């Protein structure tokens, strides 16, 4: 029985991952690391905090380091809303790190379908730079992001595969395209306990602004709940 469930998860990835990575031109490669903490403040209210490090230029240089801090309110086991703030030290075009500020507002939904967990996140974000190469950099940048995800919850087994994608739509900016960035993700979640887990995934990212560029990313994410 265990062997059959593992085979099902592998076939799921084999069927869906090629459709994602077939677009790749491998312009760049990066490693992303993160650690996330969730603390329950009340019955329906959680405090969220995470730290992140991301590399680029074939993972030879640090692109950005940042932390997120926020709150999540759970209406029920299917729907929640969240708000958070991000402080970033970003490696700008002059090869010097400058602060960036960003805030998010999320709506999230999750529904079990058999052995699958189907979820989606709708996010609005606004970003502010402190390094200005031209006048346009002084204006905040807004995006609407949509992230669907399917996780196969293998019964009585701690390793669960998942696939996801994320679409970035610029808003309040007539100069940008309707879709300026897309990510395709495939990976595994390993649960040490009910409160501790680690995720390992591959992401293909295509960015259309200011010019077309592709990036392959390996991510390692550690999650802990209090």
C-alpha atoms as a PDB file:
ATOM      1  CA  UNK A   1       0.000   0.000   0.000  1.00  0.00           C
ATOM      2  CA  UNK A   2       2.816   2.394   0.917  1.00  0.00           C
ATOM      3  CA  UNK A   3       4.627   1.631  -2.324  1.00  0.00           C
ATOM      4  CA  UNK A   4       1.485   2.402  -4.337  1.00  0.00           C
ATOM      5  CA  UNK A   5       1.025   5.817  -2.694  1.00  0.00           C
ATOM      6  CA  UNK A   6       4.654   6.744  -3.333  1.00  0.00           C
ATOM      7  CA  UNK A   7       4.293   5.699  -6.981  1.00  0.00           C
ATOM      8  CA  UNK A   8       1.177   7.855  -7.323  1.00  0.00           C
ATOM      9  CA  UNK A   9       3.008  10.926  -6.006  1.00  0.00           C
ATOM     10  CA  UNK A  10       5.971  10.374  -8.302  1.00  0.00           C
ATOM     11  CA  UNK A  11       3.727   9.955 -11.333  1.00  0.00           C
ATOM     12  CA  UNK A  12       1.955  13.183 -10.424  1.00  0.00           C
ATOM     13  CA  UNK A  13       5.235  15.082 -10.489  1.00  0.00           C
ATOM     14  CA  UNK A  14       6.460  13.362 -13.643  1.00  0.00           C
ATOM     15  CA  UNK A  15       3.301  14.339 -15.495  1.00  0.00           C
ATOM     16  CA  UNK A  16       3.231  17.970 -14.399  1.00  0.00           C
ATOM     17  CA  UNK A  17       6.827  19.107 -13.958  1.00  0.00           C
ATOM     18  CA  UNK A  18       7.916  18.675 -17.631  1.00  0.00           C
ATOM     19  CA  UNK A  19       5.137  21.011 -18.707  1.00  0.00           C
ATOM     20  CA  UNK A  20       6.635  23.628 -16.421  1.00  0.00           C
ATOM     21  CA  UNK A  21      10.369  23.382 -17.047  1.00  0.00           C
ATOM     22  CA  UNK A  22      10.096  22.929 -20.807  1.00  0.00           C
ATOM     23  CA  UNK A  23       9.924  26.728 -21.135  1.00  0.00           C
ATOM     24  CA  UNK A  24      13.226  27.263 -19.376  1.00  0.00           C
ATOM     25  CA  UNK A  25      16.218  28.861 -21.014  1.00  0.00           C
ATOM     26  CA  UNK A  26      18.244  28.789 -17.768  1.00  0.00           C
ATOM     27  CA  UNK A  27      19.492  32.376 -17.944  1.00  0.00           C
ATOM     28  CA  UNK A  28      20.367  32.241 -14.258  1.00  0.00           C
ATOM     29  CA  UNK A  29      20.292  29.992 -11.196  1.00  0.00           C
ATOM     30  CA  UNK A  30      19.689  30.834  -7.553  1.00  0.00           C
ATOM     31  CA  UNK A  31      19.304  29.290  -4.116  1.00  0.00           C
ATOM     32  CA  UNK A  32      16.599  30.509  -1.750  1.00  0.00           C
ATOM     33  CA  UNK A  33      16.589  29.753   1.995  1.00  0.00           C
ATOM     34  CA  UNK A  34      13.888  30.610   4.501  1.00  0.00           C
ATOM     35  CA  UNK A  35      12.765  29.878   8.047  1.00  0.00           C
ATOM     36  CA  UNK A  36       9.151  30.522   9.050  1.00  0.00           C
ATOM     37  CA  UNK A  37       7.569  30.709  12.485  1.00  0.00           C
ATOM     38  CA  UNK A  38       3.858  30.721  13.293  1.00  0.00           C
ATOM     39  CA  UNK A  39       2.680  31.629  16.797  1.00  0.00           C
ATOM     40  CA  UNK A  40      -0.961  31.287  17.845  1.00  0.00           C
ATOM     41  CA  UNK A  41      -2.096  34.466  19.604  1.00  0.00           C
ATOM     42  CA  UNK A  42      -5.774  33.590  19.916  1.00  0.00           C
ATOM     43  CA  UNK A  43      -8.218  30.967  18.688  1.00  0.00           C
ATOM     44  CA  UNK A  44      -8.388  32.438  15.170  1.00  0.00           C
ATOM     45  CA  UNK A  45      -5.372  34.777  15.146  1.00  0.00           C
ATOM     46  CA  UNK A  46      -1.752  33.854  14.351  1.00  0.00           C
ATOM     47  CA  UNK A  47       1.473  35.855  14.399  1.00  0.00           C
ATOM     48  CA  UNK A  48       3.794  35.103  11.446  1.00  0.00           C
ATOM     49  CA  UNK A  49       7.514  35.777  11.119  1.00  0.00           C
ATOM     50  CA  UNK A  50      10.076  34.589   8.581  1.00  0.00           C
ATOM     51  CA  UNK A  51      13.632  35.339   7.487  1.00  0.00           C
ATOM     52  CA  UNK A  52      14.926  34.770   3.958  1.00  0.00           C
ATOM     53  CA  UNK A  53      18.135  34.768   1.944  1.00  0.00           C
ATOM     54  CA  UNK A  54      18.193  34.647  -1.878  1.00  0.00           C
ATOM     55  CA  UNK A  55      21.109  34.350  -4.291  1.00  0.00           C
ATOM     56  CA  UNK A  56      21.561  34.963  -8.027  1.00  0.00           C
ATOM     57  CA  UNK A  57      24.296  35.044 -10.736  1.00  0.00           C
ATOM     58  CA  UNK A  58      24.508  31.236 -10.664  1.00  0.00           C
ATOM     59  CA  UNK A  59      24.188  31.430  -6.875  1.00  0.00           C
ATOM     60  CA  UNK A  60      27.536  33.215  -6.588  1.00  0.00           C
ATOM     61  CA  UNK A  61      26.121  36.455  -5.120  1.00  0.00           C
ATOM     62  CA  UNK A  62      23.475  37.451  -2.593  1.00  0.00           C
ATOM     63  CA  UNK A  63      20.552  39.196  -4.262  1.00  0.00           C
ATOM     64  CA  UNK A  64      18.498  40.021  -1.171  1.00  0.00           C
ATOM     65  CA  UNK A  65      17.973  39.271   2.502  1.00  0.00           C
ATOM     66  CA  UNK A  66      14.673  40.117   4.161  1.00  0.00           C
ATOM     67  CA  UNK A  67      12.203  39.384   6.910  1.00  0.00           C
ATOM     68  CA  UNK A  68       8.401  39.349   6.933  1.00  0.00           C
ATOM     69  CA  UNK A  69       6.227  40.070   9.949  1.00  0.00           C
ATOM     70  CA  UNK A  70       2.430  39.829   9.953  1.00  0.00           C
ATOM     71  CA  UNK A  71      -0.887  38.534  11.260  1.00  0.00           C
ATOM     72  CA  UNK A  72      -3.246  35.854   9.920  1.00  0.00           C
ATOM     73  CA  UNK A  73      -6.932  35.675  10.829  1.00  0.00           C
ATOM     74  CA  UNK A  74      -8.673  32.346  10.214  1.00  0.00           C
ATOM     75  CA  UNK A  75     -12.387  32.686   9.556  1.00  0.00           C
ATOM     76  CA  UNK A  76     -12.724  28.895   9.544  1.00  0.00           C
ATOM     77  CA  UNK A  77     -10.617  25.900   8.466  1.00  0.00           C
ATOM     78  CA  UNK A  78     -11.129  26.799   4.791  1.00  0.00           C
ATOM     79  CA  UNK A  79     -10.653  30.598   4.585  1.00  0.00           C
ATOM     80  CA  UNK A  80      -8.239  33.120   6.095  1.00  0.00           C
ATOM     81  CA  UNK A  81      -6.927  36.651   5.583  1.00  0.00           C
ATOM     82  CA  UNK A  82      -3.493  38.058   6.334  1.00  0.00           C
ATOM     83  CA  UNK A  83      -1.507  41.287   6.334  1.00  0.00           C
ATOM     84  CA  UNK A  84       2.271  41.586   6.568  1.00  0.00           C
ATOM     85  CA  UNK A  85       5.253  43.899   6.159  1.00  0.00           C
ATOM     86  CA  UNK A  86       8.630  43.076   4.571  1.00  0.00           C
ATOM     87  CA  UNK A  87      11.962  44.809   5.133  1.00  0.00           C
ATOM     88  CA  UNK A  88      14.598  43.962   2.508  1.00  0.00           C
ATOM     89  CA  UNK A  89      18.266  44.657   1.906  1.00  0.00           C
ATOM     90  CA  UNK A  90      18.449  44.396  -1.898  1.00  0.00           C
ATOM     91  CA  UNK A  91      21.498  44.265  -4.168  1.00  0.00           C
ATOM     92  CA  UNK A  92      20.699  47.095  -6.567  1.00  0.00           C
ATOM     93  CA  UNK A  93      22.106  47.821 -10.027  1.00  0.00           C
ATOM     94  CA  UNK A  94      25.158  49.641  -8.595  1.00  0.00           C
ATOM     95  CA  UNK A  95      26.101  46.430  -6.712  1.00  0.00           C
ATOM     96  CA  UNK A  96      25.320  47.997  -3.352  1.00  0.00           C
ATOM     97  CA  UNK A  97      22.649  46.931  -0.867  1.00  0.00           C
ATOM     98  CA  UNK A  98      19.792  49.364  -0.224  1.00  0.00           C
ATOM     99  CA  UNK A  99      16.621  48.952   1.835  1.00  0.00           C
ATOM    100  CA  UNK A 100      13.292  48.163   0.247  1.00  0.00           C
ATOM    101  CA  UNK A 101       9.887  48.141   1.905  1.00  0.00           C
ATOM    102  CA  UNK A 102       6.862  46.088   0.946  1.00  0.00           C
ATOM    103  CA  UNK A 103       3.469  45.305   2.437  1.00  0.00           C
ATOM    104  CA  UNK A 104       1.002  42.551   1.564  1.00  0.00           C
ATOM    105  CA  UNK A 105      -2.705  41.817   1.970  1.00  0.00           C
ATOM    106  CA  UNK A 106      -3.769  38.189   1.409  1.00  0.00           C
ATOM    107  CA  UNK A 107      -6.935  36.178   0.996  1.00  0.00           C
ATOM    108  CA  UNK A 108      -6.373  32.414   1.269  1.00  0.00           C
ATOM    109  CA  UNK A 109      -8.535  29.364   0.700  1.00  0.00           C
ATOM    110  CA  UNK A 110      -7.922  25.652   1.223  1.00  0.00           C
ATOM    111  CA  UNK A 111     -10.083  22.626   0.472  1.00  0.00           C
ATOM    112  CA  UNK A 112      -9.348  18.900   0.942  1.00  0.00           C
ATOM    113  CA  UNK A 113     -10.281  16.786  -2.086  1.00  0.00           C
ATOM    114  CA  UNK A 114      -9.704  13.144  -1.278  1.00  0.00           C
ATOM    115  CA  UNK A 115      -5.982  12.741  -0.565  1.00  0.00           C
ATOM    116  CA  UNK A 116      -5.263  16.168  -2.091  1.00  0.00           C
ATOM    117  CA  UNK A 117      -5.170  19.605  -0.479  1.00  0.00           C
ATOM    118  CA  UNK A 118      -6.153  22.250  -3.024  1.00  0.00           C
ATOM    119  CA  UNK A 119      -5.328  25.811  -1.998  1.00  0.00           C
ATOM    120  CA  UNK A 120      -5.042  29.287  -3.465  1.00  0.00           C
ATOM    121  CA  UNK A 121      -3.730  32.655  -2.358  1.00  0.00           C
ATOM    122  CA  UNK A 122      -4.748  36.061  -3.719  1.00  0.00           C
ATOM    123  CA  UNK A 123      -2.220  38.739  -2.740  1.00  0.00           C
ATOM    124  CA  UNK A 124      -2.022  42.481  -3.236  1.00  0.00           C
ATOM    125  CA  UNK A 125       1.421  43.998  -2.654  1.00  0.00           C
ATOM    126  CA  UNK A 126       2.985  47.433  -2.762  1.00  0.00           C
ATOM    127  CA  UNK A 127       6.786  47.927  -2.930  1.00  0.00           C
ATOM    128  CA  UNK A 128       8.901  51.001  -2.183  1.00  0.00           C
ATOM    129  CA  UNK A 129      12.543  51.469  -3.225  1.00  0.00           C
ATOM    130  CA  UNK A 130      15.159  53.679  -1.572  1.00  0.00           C
ATOM    131  CA  UNK A 131      17.647  53.445  -4.465  1.00  0.00           C
ATOM    132  CA  UNK A 132      16.598  55.590  -7.416  1.00  0.00           C
ATOM    133  CA  UNK A 133      18.224  55.040 -10.800  1.00  0.00           C
ATOM    134  CA  UNK A 134      15.569  57.183 -12.493  1.00  0.00           C
ATOM    135  CA  UNK A 135      12.384  59.039 -11.600  1.00  0.00           C
ATOM    136  CA  UNK A 136      10.210  55.954 -12.104  1.00  0.00           C
ATOM    137  CA  UNK A 137      11.951  54.232  -9.189  1.00  0.00           C
ATOM    138  CA  UNK A 138      10.519  56.817  -6.826  1.00  0.00           C
ATOM    139  CA  UNK A 139       6.998  55.601  -7.545  1.00  0.00           C
ATOM    140  CA  UNK A 140       5.675  52.585  -5.573  1.00  0.00           C
ATOM    141  CA  UNK A 141       5.044  49.410  -7.560  1.00  0.00           C
ATOM    142  CA  UNK A 142       1.861  47.380  -7.054  1.00  0.00           C
ATOM    143  CA  UNK A 143       1.094  43.802  -8.050  1.00  0.00           C
ATOM    144  CA  UNK A 144      -1.792  41.405  -7.770  1.00  0.00           C
ATOM    145  CA  UNK A 145      -0.480  37.850  -7.298  1.00  0.00           C
ATOM    146  CA  UNK A 146      -2.443  34.606  -7.705  1.00  0.00           C
ATOM    147  CA  UNK A 147      -0.941  31.364  -6.392  1.00  0.00           C
ATOM    148  CA  UNK A 148      -2.822  28.041  -6.755  1.00  0.00           C
ATOM    149  CA  UNK A 149      -1.281  24.928  -5.162  1.00  0.00           C
ATOM    150  CA  UNK A 150      -2.062  21.201  -5.056  1.00  0.00           C
ATOM    151  CA  UNK A 151      -0.484  18.989  -2.382  1.00  0.00           C
ATOM    152  CA  UNK A 152      -0.817  15.199  -2.366  1.00  0.00           C
ATOM    153  CA  UNK A 153      -1.199  14.195   1.297  1.00  0.00           C
ATOM    154  CA  UNK A 154       0.102  10.618   1.284  1.00  0.00           C
ATOM    155  CA  UNK A 155      -1.776   8.678   4.011  1.00  0.00           C
ATOM    156  CA  UNK A 156       0.405   7.633   6.975  1.00  0.00           C
ATOM    157  CA  UNK A 157       3.558   8.996   5.322  1.00  0.00           C
ATOM    158  CA  UNK A 158       5.458  12.205   6.216  1.00  0.00           C
ATOM    159  CA  UNK A 159       6.628  13.066   2.665  1.00  0.00           C
ATOM    160  CA  UNK A 160       4.056  14.901   0.525  1.00  0.00           C
ATOM    161  CA  UNK A 161       4.658  16.185  -3.034  1.00  0.00           C
ATOM    162  CA  UNK A 162       3.120  19.413  -4.315  1.00  0.00           C
ATOM    163  CA  UNK A 163       2.924  21.599  -7.397  1.00  0.00           C
ATOM    164  CA  UNK A 164       2.090  25.291  -7.607  1.00  0.00           C
ATOM    165  CA  UNK A 165       2.263  28.310  -9.849  1.00  0.00           C
ATOM    166  CA  UNK A 166       2.203  32.038  -9.234  1.00  0.00           C
ATOM    167  CA  UNK A 167       1.109  34.809 -11.587  1.00  0.00           C
ATOM    168  CA  UNK A 168       2.142  38.463 -11.114  1.00  0.00           C
ATOM    169  CA  UNK A 169      -0.179  41.118 -12.552  1.00  0.00           C
ATOM    170  CA  UNK A 170       0.949  44.773 -12.370  1.00  0.00           C
ATOM    171  CA  UNK A 171      -1.765  47.204 -11.307  1.00  0.00           C
ATOM    172  CA  UNK A 172      -1.948  51.010 -11.545  1.00  0.00           C
ATOM    173  CA  UNK A 173       0.825  50.925 -14.180  1.00  0.00           C
ATOM    174  CA  UNK A 174      -0.058  51.360 -17.838  1.00  0.00           C
ATOM    175  CA  UNK A 175       3.546  50.841 -19.017  1.00  0.00           C
ATOM    176  CA  UNK A 176       3.727  47.218 -17.908  1.00  0.00           C
ATOM    177  CA  UNK A 177       2.130  44.158 -19.476  1.00  0.00           C
ATOM    178  CA  UNK A 178      -0.932  42.409 -18.099  1.00  0.00           C
ATOM    179  CA  UNK A 179       1.318  39.604 -16.810  1.00  0.00           C
ATOM    180  CA  UNK A 180       4.948  40.463 -16.116  1.00  0.00           C
ATOM    181  CA  UNK A 181       6.159  37.496 -14.067  1.00  0.00           C
ATOM    182  CA  UNK A 182       5.219  33.820 -13.656  1.00  0.00           C
ATOM    183  CA  UNK A 183       6.559  31.026 -11.451  1.00  0.00           C
ATOM    184  CA  UNK A 184       6.093  27.250 -11.750  1.00  0.00           C
ATOM    185  CA  UNK A 185       6.925  25.186  -8.668  1.00  0.00           C
ATOM    186  CA  UNK A 186       7.273  21.471  -7.859  1.00  0.00           C
ATOM    187  CA  UNK A 187       8.565  20.009  -4.620  1.00  0.00           C
ATOM    188  CA  UNK A 188       8.134  17.945  -1.488  1.00  0.00           C
ATOM    189  CA  UNK A 189       7.075  18.708   2.056  1.00  0.00           C
ATOM    190  CA  UNK A 190       8.505  16.554   4.854  1.00  0.00           C
ATOM    191  CA  UNK A 191       6.767  16.682   8.244  1.00  0.00           C
ATOM    192  CA  UNK A 192       9.014  15.877  11.191  1.00  0.00           C
ATOM    193  CA  UNK A 193       6.128  16.470  13.596  1.00  0.00           C
ATOM    194  CA  UNK A 194       2.767  18.261  13.468  1.00  0.00           C
ATOM    195  CA  UNK A 195       4.622  21.504  14.240  1.00  0.00           C
ATOM    196  CA  UNK A 196       7.855  21.113  12.277  1.00  0.00           C
ATOM    197  CA  UNK A 197       8.348  20.602   8.555  1.00  0.00           C
ATOM    198  CA  UNK A 198      10.799  21.304   5.760  1.00  0.00           C
ATOM    199  CA  UNK A 199      10.090  21.961   2.075  1.00  0.00           C
ATOM    200  CA  UNK A 200      12.431  21.378  -0.850  1.00  0.00           C
ATOM    201  CA  UNK A 201      11.298  22.574  -4.264  1.00  0.00           C
ATOM    202  CA  UNK A 202      12.326  23.653  -7.744  1.00  0.00           C
ATOM    203  CA  UNK A 203      10.981  26.895  -9.218  1.00  0.00           C
ATOM    204  CA  UNK A 204      11.163  28.101 -12.791  1.00  0.00           C
ATOM    205  CA  UNK A 205      10.648  31.863 -12.950  1.00  0.00           C
ATOM    206  CA  UNK A 206      10.088  33.894 -16.115  1.00  0.00           C
ATOM    207  CA  UNK A 207      10.293  37.663 -15.681  1.00  0.00           C
ATOM    208  CA  UNK A 208       9.169  39.877 -18.564  1.00  0.00           C
ATOM    209  CA  UNK A 209      10.127  43.259 -17.071  1.00  0.00           C
ATOM    210  CA  UNK A 210      12.226  45.242 -17.826  1.00  0.00           C
ATOM    211  CA  UNK A 211      13.432  42.540 -20.267  1.00  0.00           C
ATOM    212  CA  UNK A 212      12.736  38.841 -20.717  1.00  0.00           C
ATOM    213  CA  UNK A 213      14.783  36.683 -18.324  1.00  0.00           C
ATOM    214  CA  UNK A 214      14.497  33.169 -16.909  1.00  0.00           C
ATOM    215  CA  UNK A 215      15.714  31.812 -13.595  1.00  0.00           C
ATOM    216  CA  UNK A 216      15.887  28.325 -12.086  1.00  0.00           C
ATOM    217  CA  UNK A 217      15.648  28.266  -8.304  1.00  0.00           C
ATOM    218  CA  UNK A 218      16.164  25.615  -5.632  1.00  0.00           C
ATOM    219  CA  UNK A 219      14.399  26.510  -2.374  1.00  0.00           C
ATOM    220  CA  UNK A 220      14.785  25.101   1.129  1.00  0.00           C
ATOM    221  CA  UNK A 221      12.144  26.222   3.615  1.00  0.00           C
ATOM    222  CA  UNK A 222      11.958  25.312   7.327  1.00  0.00           C
ATOM    223  CA  UNK A 223       8.615  25.814   9.083  1.00  0.00           C
ATOM    224  CA  UNK A 224       7.877  25.773  12.802  1.00  0.00           C
ATOM    225  CA  UNK A 225       4.597  26.326  14.652  1.00  0.00           C
ATOM    226  CA  UNK A 226       4.320  27.210  18.335  1.00  0.00           C
END
